[in-house]
């Protein structure tokens, strides 16, 4: 099983992007955990996630600008990013727990680069 992240690219400040993360392989069930990012020279940080109660959680720096969603029928996770600022420049990773027939794996996507120019 794997997660394939896509949708990154170069965008000007104030612009928008939509990231996608598609799961593939032999999947019995999937629990999307969220999106993380790693800015250049910094540690990976949580951007947006789903709470156990079915809600959403966002880092303070992206609240009101980013929206996380999922399409369970398509096994796909999304992140819509609006009003982008140069500080959003990072490699963005998706994460999910994927259950196969007899095991559950903590799976990470390969990352997609988002570059925001000023």
C-alpha atoms as a PDB file:
ATOM      1  CA  UNK A   1       0.000   0.000   0.000  1.00  0.00           C
ATOM      2  CA  UNK A   2       1.144   3.536  -0.633  1.00  0.00           C
ATOM      3  CA  UNK A   3       0.061   7.163  -0.477  1.00  0.00           C
ATOM      4  CA  UNK A   4       0.710   9.340  -3.510  1.00  0.00           C
ATOM      5  CA  UNK A   5       0.717  13.071  -2.818  1.00  0.00           C
ATOM      6  CA  UNK A   6       0.303  15.550  -5.647  1.00  0.00           C
ATOM      7  CA  UNK A   7      -0.699  19.111  -6.388  1.00  0.00           C
ATOM      8  CA  UNK A   8       2.333  21.008  -5.195  1.00  0.00           C
ATOM      9  CA  UNK A   9       4.085  23.633  -7.245  1.00  0.00           C
ATOM     10  CA  UNK A  10       5.193  27.232  -7.463  1.00  0.00           C
ATOM     11  CA  UNK A  11       2.613  29.877  -6.633  1.00  0.00           C
ATOM     12  CA  UNK A  12       2.712  33.584  -5.902  1.00  0.00           C
ATOM     13  CA  UNK A  13       1.825  34.932  -2.488  1.00  0.00           C
ATOM     14  CA  UNK A  14      -1.912  35.256  -2.159  1.00  0.00           C
ATOM     15  CA  UNK A  15      -2.536  32.327  -4.475  1.00  0.00           C
ATOM     16  CA  UNK A  16      -4.128  28.946  -3.870  1.00  0.00           C
ATOM     17  CA  UNK A  17      -3.309  25.296  -4.349  1.00  0.00           C
ATOM     18  CA  UNK A  18      -5.095  22.012  -3.745  1.00  0.00           C
ATOM     19  CA  UNK A  19      -3.073  19.046  -2.613  1.00  0.00           C
ATOM     20  CA  UNK A  20      -4.311  15.490  -3.055  1.00  0.00           C
ATOM     21  CA  UNK A  21      -3.188  12.277  -1.424  1.00  0.00           C
ATOM     22  CA  UNK A  22      -4.439   9.066  -2.982  1.00  0.00           C
ATOM     23  CA  UNK A  23      -4.098   5.681  -1.354  1.00  0.00           C
ATOM     24  CA  UNK A  24      -3.558   2.591  -3.446  1.00  0.00           C
ATOM     25  CA  UNK A  25      -2.942  -1.083  -2.926  1.00  0.00           C
ATOM     26  CA  UNK A  26      -4.747  -3.777  -1.032  1.00  0.00           C
ATOM     27  CA  UNK A  27      -6.737  -1.667   1.414  1.00  0.00           C
ATOM     28  CA  UNK A  28      -9.263  -3.046   3.848  1.00  0.00           C
ATOM     29  CA  UNK A  29      -9.812   0.289   5.550  1.00  0.00           C
ATOM     30  CA  UNK A  30      -8.022   3.616   5.834  1.00  0.00           C
ATOM     31  CA  UNK A  31      -7.898   6.249   8.523  1.00  0.00           C
ATOM     32  CA  UNK A  32      -6.462   9.464   7.182  1.00  0.00           C
ATOM     33  CA  UNK A  33      -4.579  11.230   9.929  1.00  0.00           C
ATOM     34  CA  UNK A  34      -3.675  14.517   8.291  1.00  0.00           C
ATOM     35  CA  UNK A  35      -1.204  16.714   6.493  1.00  0.00           C
ATOM     36  CA  UNK A  36       2.242  17.678   7.728  1.00  0.00           C
ATOM     37  CA  UNK A  37       4.887  19.936   6.263  1.00  0.00           C
ATOM     38  CA  UNK A  38       8.614  20.396   6.548  1.00  0.00           C
ATOM     39  CA  UNK A  39       9.925  23.872   5.722  1.00  0.00           C
ATOM     40  CA  UNK A  40      13.522  24.139   4.486  1.00  0.00           C
ATOM     41  CA  UNK A  41      15.936  23.561   7.360  1.00  0.00           C
ATOM     42  CA  UNK A  42      13.165  22.948   9.883  1.00  0.00           C
ATOM     43  CA  UNK A  43      11.418  20.008  11.485  1.00  0.00           C
ATOM     44  CA  UNK A  44       8.239  18.430  10.212  1.00  0.00           C
ATOM     45  CA  UNK A  45       5.121  19.983  11.710  1.00  0.00           C
ATOM     46  CA  UNK A  46       1.435  19.205  11.759  1.00  0.00           C
ATOM     47  CA  UNK A  47      -0.639  21.362   9.417  1.00  0.00           C
ATOM     48  CA  UNK A  48      -4.132  19.878   9.591  1.00  0.00           C
ATOM     49  CA  UNK A  49      -5.705  16.733  10.925  1.00  0.00           C
ATOM     50  CA  UNK A  50      -8.949  15.042  11.848  1.00  0.00           C
ATOM     51  CA  UNK A  51      -9.975  14.689  15.459  1.00  0.00           C
ATOM     52  CA  UNK A  52     -11.333  11.515  16.999  1.00  0.00           C
ATOM     53  CA  UNK A  53     -14.738  13.183  17.223  1.00  0.00           C
ATOM     54  CA  UNK A  54     -14.885  13.728  13.487  1.00  0.00           C
ATOM     55  CA  UNK A  55     -13.854  17.356  13.527  1.00  0.00           C
ATOM     56  CA  UNK A  56     -10.756  19.043  12.190  1.00  0.00           C
ATOM     57  CA  UNK A  57      -7.698  20.620  13.750  1.00  0.00           C
ATOM     58  CA  UNK A  58      -5.404  23.206  12.209  1.00  0.00           C
ATOM     59  CA  UNK A  59      -2.095  24.717  13.134  1.00  0.00           C
ATOM     60  CA  UNK A  60      -2.539  28.313  14.243  1.00  0.00           C
ATOM     61  CA  UNK A  61      -0.481  29.524  11.294  1.00  0.00           C
ATOM     62  CA  UNK A  62      -2.941  28.116   8.732  1.00  0.00           C
ATOM     63  CA  UNK A  63      -6.304  28.559  10.463  1.00  0.00           C
ATOM     64  CA  UNK A  64      -8.818  30.234   8.217  1.00  0.00           C
ATOM     65  CA  UNK A  65      -6.659  29.664   5.134  1.00  0.00           C
ATOM     66  CA  UNK A  66      -6.350  25.876   4.793  1.00  0.00           C
ATOM     67  CA  UNK A  67      -9.106  23.281   4.630  1.00  0.00           C
ATOM     68  CA  UNK A  68      -8.636  19.549   5.050  1.00  0.00           C
ATOM     69  CA  UNK A  69     -11.136  17.074   3.664  1.00  0.00           C
ATOM     70  CA  UNK A  70     -11.358  13.460   2.573  1.00  0.00           C
ATOM     71  CA  UNK A  71     -13.278  11.337   0.114  1.00  0.00           C
ATOM     72  CA  UNK A  72     -13.550   7.902   1.680  1.00  0.00           C
ATOM     73  CA  UNK A  73     -15.040   6.393  -1.465  1.00  0.00           C
ATOM     74  CA  UNK A  74     -11.954   7.420  -3.411  1.00  0.00           C
ATOM     75  CA  UNK A  75      -9.476   6.795  -0.586  1.00  0.00           C
ATOM     76  CA  UNK A  76      -8.221  10.327  -1.113  1.00  0.00           C
ATOM     77  CA  UNK A  77      -7.236  13.125   1.227  1.00  0.00           C
ATOM     78  CA  UNK A  78      -7.224  16.787   0.230  1.00  0.00           C
ATOM     79  CA  UNK A  79      -5.779  20.046   1.470  1.00  0.00           C
ATOM     80  CA  UNK A  80      -7.024  23.281  -0.033  1.00  0.00           C
ATOM     81  CA  UNK A  81      -4.612  26.106   0.668  1.00  0.00           C
ATOM     82  CA  UNK A  82      -5.626  29.706   0.117  1.00  0.00           C
ATOM     83  CA  UNK A  83      -4.028  33.098   0.779  1.00  0.00           C
ATOM     84  CA  UNK A  84      -0.626  31.457   0.630  1.00  0.00           C
ATOM     85  CA  UNK A  85       2.357  33.252   2.111  1.00  0.00           C
ATOM     86  CA  UNK A  86       6.082  32.569   1.634  1.00  0.00           C
ATOM     87  CA  UNK A  87       6.187  30.967   5.090  1.00  0.00           C
ATOM     88  CA  UNK A  88       3.982  28.175   3.713  1.00  0.00           C
ATOM     89  CA  UNK A  89       6.883  27.028   1.527  1.00  0.00           C
ATOM     90  CA  UNK A  90       7.608  23.426   2.491  1.00  0.00           C
ATOM     91  CA  UNK A  91       7.387  19.821   1.467  1.00  0.00           C
ATOM     92  CA  UNK A  92       3.900  18.633   2.368  1.00  0.00           C
ATOM     93  CA  UNK A  93       3.306  15.062   3.505  1.00  0.00           C
ATOM     94  CA  UNK A  94       0.118  13.109   4.038  1.00  0.00           C
ATOM     95  CA  UNK A  95      -0.259  10.390   6.650  1.00  0.00           C
ATOM     96  CA  UNK A  96      -2.711   7.569   7.213  1.00  0.00           C
ATOM     97  CA  UNK A  97      -3.159   4.317   9.071  1.00  0.00           C
ATOM     98  CA  UNK A  98      -4.030   1.708   6.468  1.00  0.00           C
ATOM     99  CA  UNK A  99      -5.444  -1.667   7.399  1.00  0.00           C
ATOM    100  CA  UNK A 100      -4.761  -4.586   5.143  1.00  0.00           C
ATOM    101  CA  UNK A 101      -6.005  -8.125   5.725  1.00  0.00           C
ATOM    102  CA  UNK A 102      -4.026  -8.803   8.892  1.00  0.00           C
ATOM    103  CA  UNK A 103      -2.004  -5.706   9.668  1.00  0.00           C
ATOM    104  CA  UNK A 104      -2.216  -1.969  10.129  1.00  0.00           C
ATOM    105  CA  UNK A 105       0.527   0.229   8.731  1.00  0.00           C
ATOM    106  CA  UNK A 106       1.431   3.833   9.483  1.00  0.00           C
ATOM    107  CA  UNK A 107       1.937   5.098   5.934  1.00  0.00           C
ATOM    108  CA  UNK A 108       3.404   8.389   4.722  1.00  0.00           C
ATOM    109  CA  UNK A 109       3.195   9.894   1.273  1.00  0.00           C
ATOM    110  CA  UNK A 110       6.376  10.801  -0.555  1.00  0.00           C
ATOM    111  CA  UNK A 111       5.844  14.524  -0.152  1.00  0.00           C
ATOM    112  CA  UNK A 112       4.939  17.275  -2.578  1.00  0.00           C
ATOM    113  CA  UNK A 113       6.827  20.564  -2.704  1.00  0.00           C
ATOM    114  CA  UNK A 114       4.966  23.839  -2.329  1.00  0.00           C
ATOM    115  CA  UNK A 115       6.919  26.999  -3.072  1.00  0.00           C
ATOM    116  CA  UNK A 116       5.325  30.387  -2.442  1.00  0.00           C
ATOM    117  CA  UNK A 117       7.076  33.366  -3.972  1.00  0.00           C
ATOM    118  CA  UNK A 118       6.773  36.880  -2.592  1.00  0.00           C
END
